[in-house]
N, C-alpha and C. Protein backbone atom coordinates (compact mmCIF):
# COMPACT_ATOMS: atom_id res chain seq x y z
N MET A 1 63.17 -15.54 -71.32
CA MET A 1 62.19 -15.44 -72.39
C MET A 1 61.52 -13.80 -72.40
N VAL A 2 61.87 -12.52 -74.00
CA VAL A 2 61.56 -11.54 -73.73
C VAL A 2 60.91 -11.47 -74.56
N ILE A 3 59.78 -10.45 -74.94
CA ILE A 3 58.84 -10.24 -76.68
C ILE A 3 59.12 -8.76 -76.72
N TYR A 4 59.61 -9.06 -77.70
CA TYR A 4 59.87 -6.99 -77.92
C TYR A 4 58.81 -6.99 -79.27
N VAL A 5 58.62 -5.78 -78.78
CA VAL A 5 57.03 -5.64 -79.96
C VAL A 5 57.75 -4.49 -80.75
N ASP A 6 57.77 -4.44 -82.46
CA ASP A 6 57.59 -3.17 -83.04
C ASP A 6 56.80 -2.08 -83.08
N ALA A 7 56.53 -1.51 -82.15
CA ALA A 7 55.57 -0.58 -81.07
C ALA A 7 55.17 0.34 -82.11
N ASP A 8 56.03 1.10 -83.51
CA ASP A 8 55.47 2.14 -84.41
C ASP A 8 53.45 2.33 -84.58
N ALA A 9 53.18 1.52 -85.48
CA ALA A 9 52.24 1.07 -86.03
C ALA A 9 51.74 -0.06 -85.31
N CYS A 10 52.32 -0.73 -84.61
CA CYS A 10 51.28 -2.03 -83.98
C CYS A 10 50.28 -1.69 -83.64
N PRO A 11 48.75 -2.53 -83.56
CA PRO A 11 47.96 -1.99 -82.96
C PRO A 11 47.58 -3.57 -81.87
N VAL A 12 48.72 -4.44 -81.92
CA VAL A 12 48.34 -5.01 -80.56
C VAL A 12 48.87 -4.51 -79.41
N LYS A 13 49.36 -4.03 -78.97
CA LYS A 13 49.69 -3.41 -77.75
C LYS A 13 49.38 -3.78 -76.77
N ALA A 14 48.62 -3.13 -76.19
CA ALA A 14 47.65 -3.45 -75.29
C ALA A 14 47.63 -5.32 -74.85
N GLU A 15 47.37 -5.79 -75.80
CA GLU A 15 46.84 -7.11 -75.87
C GLU A 15 48.53 -8.08 -75.83
N ALA A 16 49.56 -7.71 -76.83
CA ALA A 16 50.59 -7.79 -75.93
C ALA A 16 51.58 -7.71 -74.65
N GLU A 17 50.88 -6.32 -73.94
CA GLU A 17 50.82 -6.15 -72.49
C GLU A 17 50.37 -7.52 -72.03
N ARG A 18 48.88 -7.65 -71.99
CA ARG A 18 48.29 -8.46 -71.46
C ARG A 18 49.03 -9.86 -71.33
N VAL A 19 49.17 -10.60 -72.18
CA VAL A 19 49.86 -11.58 -71.87
C VAL A 19 50.95 -11.71 -71.59
N ALA A 20 52.12 -10.78 -71.75
CA ALA A 20 53.39 -10.75 -71.02
C ALA A 20 53.11 -10.95 -69.73
N THR A 21 52.09 -9.93 -68.82
CA THR A 21 52.53 -10.14 -67.63
C THR A 21 51.34 -11.07 -67.24
N ARG A 22 50.93 -11.64 -68.07
CA ARG A 22 49.92 -12.71 -67.35
C ARG A 22 51.31 -14.14 -67.32
N HIS A 23 51.77 -14.56 -68.31
CA HIS A 23 53.10 -15.26 -67.92
C HIS A 23 54.63 -14.60 -67.48
N GLY A 24 54.63 -13.03 -66.90
CA GLY A 24 55.64 -12.99 -65.61
C GLY A 24 56.78 -12.93 -66.70
N LEU A 25 56.66 -12.20 -68.07
CA LEU A 25 58.10 -12.36 -69.40
C LEU A 25 57.88 -10.61 -69.65
N GLU A 26 59.58 -9.59 -69.28
CA GLU A 26 59.56 -8.28 -70.10
C GLU A 26 59.26 -8.68 -71.60
N LEU A 27 58.91 -7.17 -71.52
CA LEU A 27 58.25 -6.91 -72.54
C LEU A 27 58.79 -5.95 -73.64
N TYR A 28 59.50 -5.50 -74.62
CA TYR A 28 59.69 -4.22 -74.41
C TYR A 28 59.21 -3.75 -76.02
N LEU A 29 58.07 -2.90 -75.41
CA LEU A 29 57.89 -1.70 -76.74
C LEU A 29 58.84 -0.52 -77.47
N VAL A 30 59.01 -0.94 -78.65
CA VAL A 30 60.87 -0.48 -79.31
C VAL A 30 59.96 0.11 -79.92
N SER A 31 60.28 2.18 -79.72
CA SER A 31 60.03 3.15 -81.28
C SER A 31 60.13 4.16 -81.49
N ASN A 32 60.48 4.90 -82.37
CA ASN A 32 60.57 6.53 -82.27
C ASN A 32 60.19 7.48 -81.74
N GLY A 33 59.40 7.07 -80.40
CA GLY A 33 58.54 7.75 -79.45
C GLY A 33 57.20 7.78 -79.71
N GLY A 34 56.96 9.06 -79.04
CA GLY A 34 55.26 9.32 -79.12
C GLY A 34 54.53 8.41 -78.32
N LEU A 35 54.75 7.03 -77.79
CA LEU A 35 53.76 6.40 -77.67
C LEU A 35 53.61 6.57 -76.02
N ARG A 36 52.86 6.37 -74.83
CA ARG A 36 52.53 6.46 -73.70
C ARG A 36 52.79 6.02 -72.89
N PRO A 37 53.92 6.02 -72.01
CA PRO A 37 54.60 4.62 -71.11
C PRO A 37 53.61 4.01 -70.04
N SER A 38 53.79 3.03 -70.05
CA SER A 38 53.04 1.96 -69.13
C SER A 38 53.72 1.76 -67.48
N SER A 39 52.41 2.05 -67.12
CA SER A 39 52.67 1.79 -65.53
C SER A 39 53.07 0.44 -64.95
N ASN A 40 52.55 -0.83 -65.90
CA ASN A 40 53.13 -1.57 -65.77
C ASN A 40 55.10 -2.02 -65.15
N PRO A 41 54.98 -2.94 -64.29
CA PRO A 41 56.96 -3.02 -64.52
C PRO A 41 57.29 -4.00 -65.47
N LEU A 42 57.02 -4.49 -65.66
CA LEU A 42 56.96 -5.79 -66.68
C LEU A 42 57.35 -5.44 -68.38
N VAL A 43 56.87 -3.72 -68.17
CA VAL A 43 56.98 -3.10 -69.61
C VAL A 43 58.17 -1.95 -69.80
N LYS A 44 59.48 -2.70 -70.47
CA LYS A 44 60.14 -1.32 -70.78
C LYS A 44 60.22 -0.99 -72.24
N MET A 45 59.77 0.83 -72.02
CA MET A 45 59.90 1.55 -73.56
C MET A 45 61.56 1.52 -73.47
N ILE A 46 61.24 1.73 -75.36
CA ILE A 46 62.35 2.00 -75.33
C ILE A 46 62.50 3.19 -76.77
N TYR A 47 62.62 4.33 -76.69
CA TYR A 47 62.45 4.84 -77.53
C TYR A 47 63.97 4.99 -78.29
N VAL A 48 64.54 4.59 -79.45
CA VAL A 48 65.12 4.93 -80.38
C VAL A 48 65.28 6.16 -81.32
N THR A 49 66.56 6.38 -81.36
CA THR A 49 66.63 7.90 -82.61
C THR A 49 65.29 8.27 -83.27
N GLU A 50 65.43 9.25 -84.04
CA GLU A 50 64.36 9.00 -85.26
C GLU A 50 65.69 8.43 -86.67
N GLY A 51 64.41 7.66 -87.33
CA GLY A 51 65.42 7.01 -88.13
C GLY A 51 64.36 5.85 -88.83
N PRO A 52 64.35 5.78 -90.04
CA PRO A 52 63.04 4.47 -90.29
C PRO A 52 63.48 3.32 -90.18
N ASP A 53 64.41 3.29 -89.68
CA ASP A 53 64.99 1.38 -89.61
C ASP A 53 65.41 1.78 -87.66
N GLU A 54 65.77 2.17 -87.37
CA GLU A 54 66.23 2.74 -85.80
C GLU A 54 65.20 1.47 -85.02
N ALA A 55 64.50 1.01 -84.49
CA ALA A 55 63.34 0.45 -84.17
C ALA A 55 64.18 -1.08 -84.23
N ASP A 56 63.78 -1.50 -85.97
CA ASP A 56 64.24 -2.59 -86.38
C ASP A 56 65.37 -2.83 -85.90
N LYS A 57 66.54 -2.19 -85.86
CA LYS A 57 67.90 -1.97 -85.89
C LYS A 57 68.19 -2.55 -84.43
N TRP A 58 66.99 -1.98 -83.37
CA TRP A 58 67.66 -2.57 -82.22
C TRP A 58 66.94 -3.64 -81.56
N ILE A 59 65.94 -4.07 -82.16
CA ILE A 59 65.31 -5.16 -81.99
C ILE A 59 65.47 -6.31 -82.53
N ALA A 60 66.53 -5.90 -83.77
CA ALA A 60 67.26 -7.27 -84.37
C ALA A 60 68.66 -7.73 -83.89
N GLU A 61 69.14 -6.77 -82.82
CA GLU A 61 70.37 -6.79 -82.41
C GLU A 61 70.43 -7.68 -81.49
N ARG A 62 68.99 -8.15 -81.24
CA ARG A 62 68.65 -8.61 -79.18
C ARG A 62 68.22 -10.36 -79.72
N ALA A 63 66.95 -9.89 -80.87
CA ALA A 63 66.04 -11.40 -80.41
C ALA A 63 66.62 -12.44 -80.17
N GLY A 64 66.68 -13.35 -80.15
CA GLY A 64 67.28 -14.90 -80.08
C GLY A 64 66.59 -15.83 -80.29
N PRO A 65 66.83 -17.31 -79.91
CA PRO A 65 66.40 -18.02 -79.77
C PRO A 65 65.26 -18.11 -78.53
N ALA A 66 65.23 -17.65 -77.04
CA ALA A 66 64.01 -18.03 -76.53
C ALA A 66 63.17 -16.53 -76.34
N ASP A 67 63.34 -15.78 -77.72
CA ASP A 67 62.78 -14.78 -77.68
C ASP A 67 60.88 -14.68 -78.95
N VAL A 68 60.31 -13.97 -78.19
CA VAL A 68 59.22 -13.55 -79.44
C VAL A 68 59.08 -12.02 -80.04
N VAL A 69 59.44 -12.28 -80.95
CA VAL A 69 58.89 -10.72 -81.58
C VAL A 69 57.87 -10.45 -82.52
N VAL A 70 57.19 -9.56 -82.04
CA VAL A 70 55.84 -9.05 -82.49
C VAL A 70 55.91 -8.10 -83.58
N THR A 71 56.14 -7.76 -84.73
CA THR A 71 55.95 -6.67 -85.81
C THR A 71 55.19 -7.11 -87.78
N ASN A 72 54.84 -5.95 -87.76
CA ASN A 72 54.41 -6.26 -89.62
C ASN A 72 55.69 -6.71 -90.55
N ASP A 73 56.73 -5.96 -89.93
CA ASP A 73 57.56 -5.27 -90.59
C ASP A 73 58.96 -6.85 -91.12
N ILE A 74 58.04 -7.03 -92.46
CA ILE A 74 59.05 -9.06 -93.22
C ILE A 74 60.44 -8.44 -92.88
N PRO A 75 60.51 -7.69 -93.29
CA PRO A 75 62.61 -7.81 -93.43
C PRO A 75 63.18 -7.99 -92.00
N LEU A 76 62.21 -6.25 -91.13
CA LEU A 76 63.11 -7.50 -89.80
C LEU A 76 62.52 -8.21 -89.05
N ALA A 77 61.28 -8.79 -89.83
CA ALA A 77 60.48 -10.82 -89.48
C ALA A 77 61.75 -11.20 -89.50
N ALA A 78 62.06 -11.29 -91.16
CA ALA A 78 63.30 -12.13 -91.58
C ALA A 78 64.85 -12.48 -90.52
N ARG A 79 64.86 -10.72 -90.55
CA ARG A 79 65.95 -11.14 -89.64
C ARG A 79 65.98 -11.60 -88.15
N CYS A 80 65.11 -11.75 -87.49
CA CYS A 80 64.55 -12.18 -86.50
C CYS A 80 64.34 -13.73 -85.66
N VAL A 81 63.50 -14.48 -87.24
CA VAL A 81 63.35 -15.92 -87.97
C VAL A 81 65.25 -16.40 -87.47
N GLU A 82 66.19 -15.41 -88.96
CA GLU A 82 67.56 -15.93 -88.80
C GLU A 82 68.03 -16.20 -87.52
N ALA A 83 67.76 -15.39 -86.31
CA ALA A 83 68.10 -15.24 -85.27
C ALA A 83 67.76 -16.58 -84.57
N GLY A 84 66.31 -16.82 -84.78
CA GLY A 84 66.14 -18.36 -84.47
C GLY A 84 64.80 -17.45 -82.70
N ALA A 85 64.54 -16.44 -83.38
CA ALA A 85 63.32 -16.04 -82.40
C ALA A 85 62.17 -16.32 -82.79
N ARG A 86 61.27 -16.40 -81.95
CA ARG A 86 59.28 -16.32 -82.94
C ARG A 86 59.12 -15.27 -82.93
N VAL A 87 58.16 -15.25 -84.23
CA VAL A 87 58.14 -13.90 -84.81
C VAL A 87 56.46 -13.84 -85.07
N VAL A 88 55.35 -13.51 -84.36
CA VAL A 88 54.26 -12.90 -84.65
C VAL A 88 53.72 -11.60 -85.44
N LYS A 89 52.86 -11.42 -86.50
CA LYS A 89 52.86 -10.67 -86.52
C LYS A 89 51.20 -9.98 -86.11
N ALA A 90 50.59 -9.14 -85.74
CA ALA A 90 49.94 -8.27 -85.42
C ALA A 90 48.22 -9.48 -85.85
N ASN A 91 48.35 -9.50 -86.99
CA ASN A 91 46.81 -10.94 -87.30
C ASN A 91 46.86 -11.83 -86.63
N GLY A 92 48.35 -12.50 -86.13
CA GLY A 92 48.35 -13.55 -85.68
C GLY A 92 49.32 -14.98 -85.94
N GLU A 93 49.28 -13.90 -87.62
CA GLU A 93 50.56 -15.48 -88.58
C GLU A 93 51.58 -15.46 -87.93
N ALA A 94 51.92 -17.03 -87.87
CA ALA A 94 53.31 -17.16 -86.94
C ALA A 94 54.08 -16.99 -88.63
N LEU A 95 55.34 -16.51 -88.04
CA LEU A 95 56.72 -16.17 -89.34
C LEU A 95 57.33 -17.25 -89.11
N THR A 96 57.74 -18.14 -89.67
CA THR A 96 59.04 -18.98 -89.33
C THR A 96 59.66 -19.09 -90.29
N PRO A 97 60.87 -20.77 -89.96
CA PRO A 97 61.79 -20.90 -91.74
C PRO A 97 61.81 -21.20 -92.21
N ALA A 98 60.48 -21.69 -92.28
CA ALA A 98 59.65 -22.80 -93.18
C ALA A 98 59.06 -21.61 -94.14
N ASN A 99 58.34 -20.17 -93.67
CA ASN A 99 57.15 -19.61 -94.82
C ASN A 99 58.24 -18.40 -95.14
N ILE A 100 59.62 -17.76 -94.16
CA ILE A 100 59.42 -16.24 -93.87
C ILE A 100 60.01 -16.17 -95.73
N GLY A 101 60.30 -17.30 -96.45
CA GLY A 101 61.24 -16.70 -97.78
C GLY A 101 60.06 -16.43 -98.63
N PRO A 102 59.32 -17.15 -98.67
CA PRO A 102 57.50 -16.81 -99.81
C PRO A 102 57.17 -15.79 -99.06
N VAL A 103 57.15 -15.20 -97.89
CA VAL A 103 56.35 -13.59 -97.54
C VAL A 103 57.38 -13.09 -97.47
N LEU A 104 59.11 -13.43 -97.82
CA LEU A 104 58.92 -11.93 -98.01
C LEU A 104 59.53 -11.04 -99.00
N ALA A 105 59.37 -12.27 -99.94
CA ALA A 105 59.79 -12.18 -101.82
C ALA A 105 58.25 -12.05 -101.95
N THR A 106 57.29 -12.52 -101.24
CA THR A 106 55.73 -11.36 -101.72
C THR A 106 55.59 -10.45 -101.62
N ARG A 107 55.56 -9.69 -100.58
CA ARG A 107 56.79 -8.22 -100.12
C ARG A 107 57.44 -7.72 -100.81
N ASP A 108 58.64 -8.21 -101.62
CA ASP A 108 58.92 -7.26 -102.51
C ASP A 108 58.56 -7.28 -103.58
N LEU A 109 57.67 -8.11 -104.07
CA LEU A 109 57.19 -8.05 -105.56
C LEU A 109 56.32 -7.20 -105.24
N MET A 110 54.96 -7.28 -103.97
CA MET A 110 53.79 -6.47 -103.53
C MET A 110 54.59 -5.12 -103.91
N THR A 111 56.07 -4.47 -103.24
CA THR A 111 56.12 -3.13 -103.57
C THR A 111 56.86 -2.61 -104.46
N ASP A 112 57.71 -3.60 -105.76
CA ASP A 112 58.30 -3.01 -106.92
C ASP A 112 56.53 -3.09 -107.46
N LEU A 113 54.76 -3.63 -107.54
CA LEU A 113 54.47 -3.39 -108.15
C LEU A 113 53.64 -2.21 -108.10
N ARG A 114 53.68 -1.78 -106.83
CA ARG A 114 52.82 -0.64 -106.39
C ARG A 114 53.45 0.75 -107.00
N ALA A 115 55.11 0.82 -107.12
CA ALA A 115 56.10 1.30 -107.76
C ALA A 115 55.50 1.38 -109.16
N ALA A 116 55.12 0.37 -109.28
CA ALA A 116 55.14 0.53 -110.91
C ALA A 116 53.90 0.80 -111.88
N ASP A 117 53.11 0.93 -110.94
CA ASP A 117 51.87 1.48 -110.51
C ASP A 117 50.83 2.17 -110.02
N PRO A 118 51.19 3.73 -109.84
CA PRO A 118 50.95 4.18 -108.99
C PRO A 118 48.95 4.47 -108.02
N PHE A 119 48.47 3.62 -109.24
CA PHE A 119 46.68 3.11 -109.17
C PHE A 119 46.84 2.04 -107.79
N ARG A 120 47.96 1.28 -108.06
CA ARG A 120 47.75 0.29 -107.36
C ARG A 120 48.28 0.10 -105.13
N GLN A 121 47.45 1.27 -104.59
CA GLN A 121 48.58 1.89 -103.70
C GLN A 121 46.68 1.23 -102.97
N GLY A 122 47.44 1.68 -101.57
CA GLY A 122 46.60 2.08 -100.60
C GLY A 122 46.17 0.89 -100.11
N GLY A 123 45.53 1.21 -98.98
CA GLY A 123 44.73 -0.06 -97.79
C GLY A 123 44.37 -1.15 -97.61
N GLY A 124 44.34 -1.85 -97.47
CA GLY A 124 43.83 -3.58 -96.73
C GLY A 124 42.56 -2.75 -96.36
N ARG A 125 42.20 -4.62 -95.28
CA ARG A 125 40.55 -4.17 -94.28
C ARG A 125 41.16 -3.65 -93.64
N PRO A 126 40.36 -3.30 -92.31
CA PRO A 126 40.77 -2.06 -91.05
C PRO A 126 40.99 -3.73 -89.94
N PHE A 127 41.22 -3.60 -89.03
CA PHE A 127 42.04 -4.24 -88.16
C PHE A 127 40.47 -4.88 -87.59
N SER A 128 40.49 -6.08 -87.42
CA SER A 128 38.97 -6.19 -86.74
C SER A 128 39.81 -6.95 -85.32
N LYS A 129 37.87 -7.61 -84.98
CA LYS A 129 38.21 -8.08 -82.98
C LYS A 129 39.12 -9.29 -83.20
N ALA A 130 38.13 -10.09 -84.68
CA ALA A 130 39.21 -11.33 -85.31
C ALA A 130 39.97 -11.84 -84.80
N ASP A 131 41.19 -10.81 -85.61
CA ASP A 131 41.82 -10.46 -86.14
C ASP A 131 43.21 -10.03 -84.43
N ARG A 132 42.24 -9.73 -83.75
CA ARG A 132 43.25 -9.44 -81.94
C ARG A 132 42.94 -10.78 -81.74
N SER A 133 42.09 -11.98 -82.27
CA SER A 133 41.83 -12.77 -80.75
C SER A 133 42.70 -13.80 -81.78
N ARG A 134 43.29 -14.16 -82.95
CA ARG A 134 43.56 -14.46 -83.76
C ARG A 134 45.94 -13.68 -83.84
N PHE A 135 45.54 -12.99 -83.02
CA PHE A 135 46.88 -12.70 -82.37
C PHE A 135 47.27 -13.27 -81.15
N LEU A 136 46.34 -12.97 -80.51
CA LEU A 136 45.85 -13.73 -78.83
C LEU A 136 46.94 -15.37 -78.76
N ASP A 137 46.12 -15.55 -80.17
CA ASP A 137 46.42 -17.78 -80.21
C ASP A 137 47.73 -17.32 -79.91
N GLY A 138 47.95 -16.63 -81.59
CA GLY A 138 49.00 -17.15 -81.70
C GLY A 138 50.48 -16.84 -81.26
N LEU A 139 50.06 -15.31 -79.71
CA LEU A 139 51.05 -15.16 -79.40
C LEU A 139 51.63 -16.13 -78.09
N GLU A 140 50.56 -16.77 -77.79
CA GLU A 140 50.65 -18.30 -76.74
C GLU A 140 51.36 -19.19 -77.09
N ARG A 141 51.41 -19.42 -78.87
CA ARG A 141 51.52 -19.76 -79.64
C ARG A 141 53.04 -19.77 -78.90
N ALA A 142 53.73 -19.33 -79.34
CA ALA A 142 55.15 -18.08 -79.43
C ALA A 142 55.77 -18.73 -78.42
N ILE A 143 54.65 -17.85 -77.02
CA ILE A 143 55.99 -18.54 -75.81
C ILE A 143 56.02 -19.68 -75.79
N ARG A 144 54.63 -20.64 -75.61
CA ARG A 144 54.35 -21.98 -76.22
C ARG A 144 56.02 -22.83 -76.12
N GLU A 145 56.15 -22.67 -77.36
CA GLU A 145 57.23 -23.21 -78.53
C GLU A 145 58.49 -22.47 -77.93
N ALA A 146 58.51 -21.29 -77.37
CA ALA A 146 59.88 -20.54 -77.18
C ALA A 146 60.43 -20.98 -76.23
N ALA A 147 59.70 -21.48 -75.06
CA ALA A 147 59.75 -22.12 -73.66
C ALA A 147 60.09 -23.75 -73.77
N LYS A 148 60.18 -24.10 -75.12
CA LYS A 148 60.61 -25.52 -74.63
C LYS A 148 61.81 -25.22 -74.62
């Protein structure tokens, strides 16, 4: 079992590293660069070539049924779920075969709405301590499920 983190804009890299260390699992932080290397021997830093989807491609080509993927990228999540991996968003939400279709459709709809209305832009709420706590719970659940 391996944990893959889509690390470029991931707010829970440190939390994922703590959980991976506690379970003795390899953790791959995949990014286009700019991340400070970890001294933890279980953490592997993967720097892909620059490009909008190169980190996603790297993860999707490797993630399988015994693995856990941490990402907020819904198309990447869909590819990983299809490959049998467990997927957890940074807020702890699990993406599964049962819910990835509607989540992907909602993402596409929101993309279209933002493109059609220039005033419908901008962020959501800030990432909170409660989100971090939900992530830790979600990652623990995903690891237990992947181990079965």
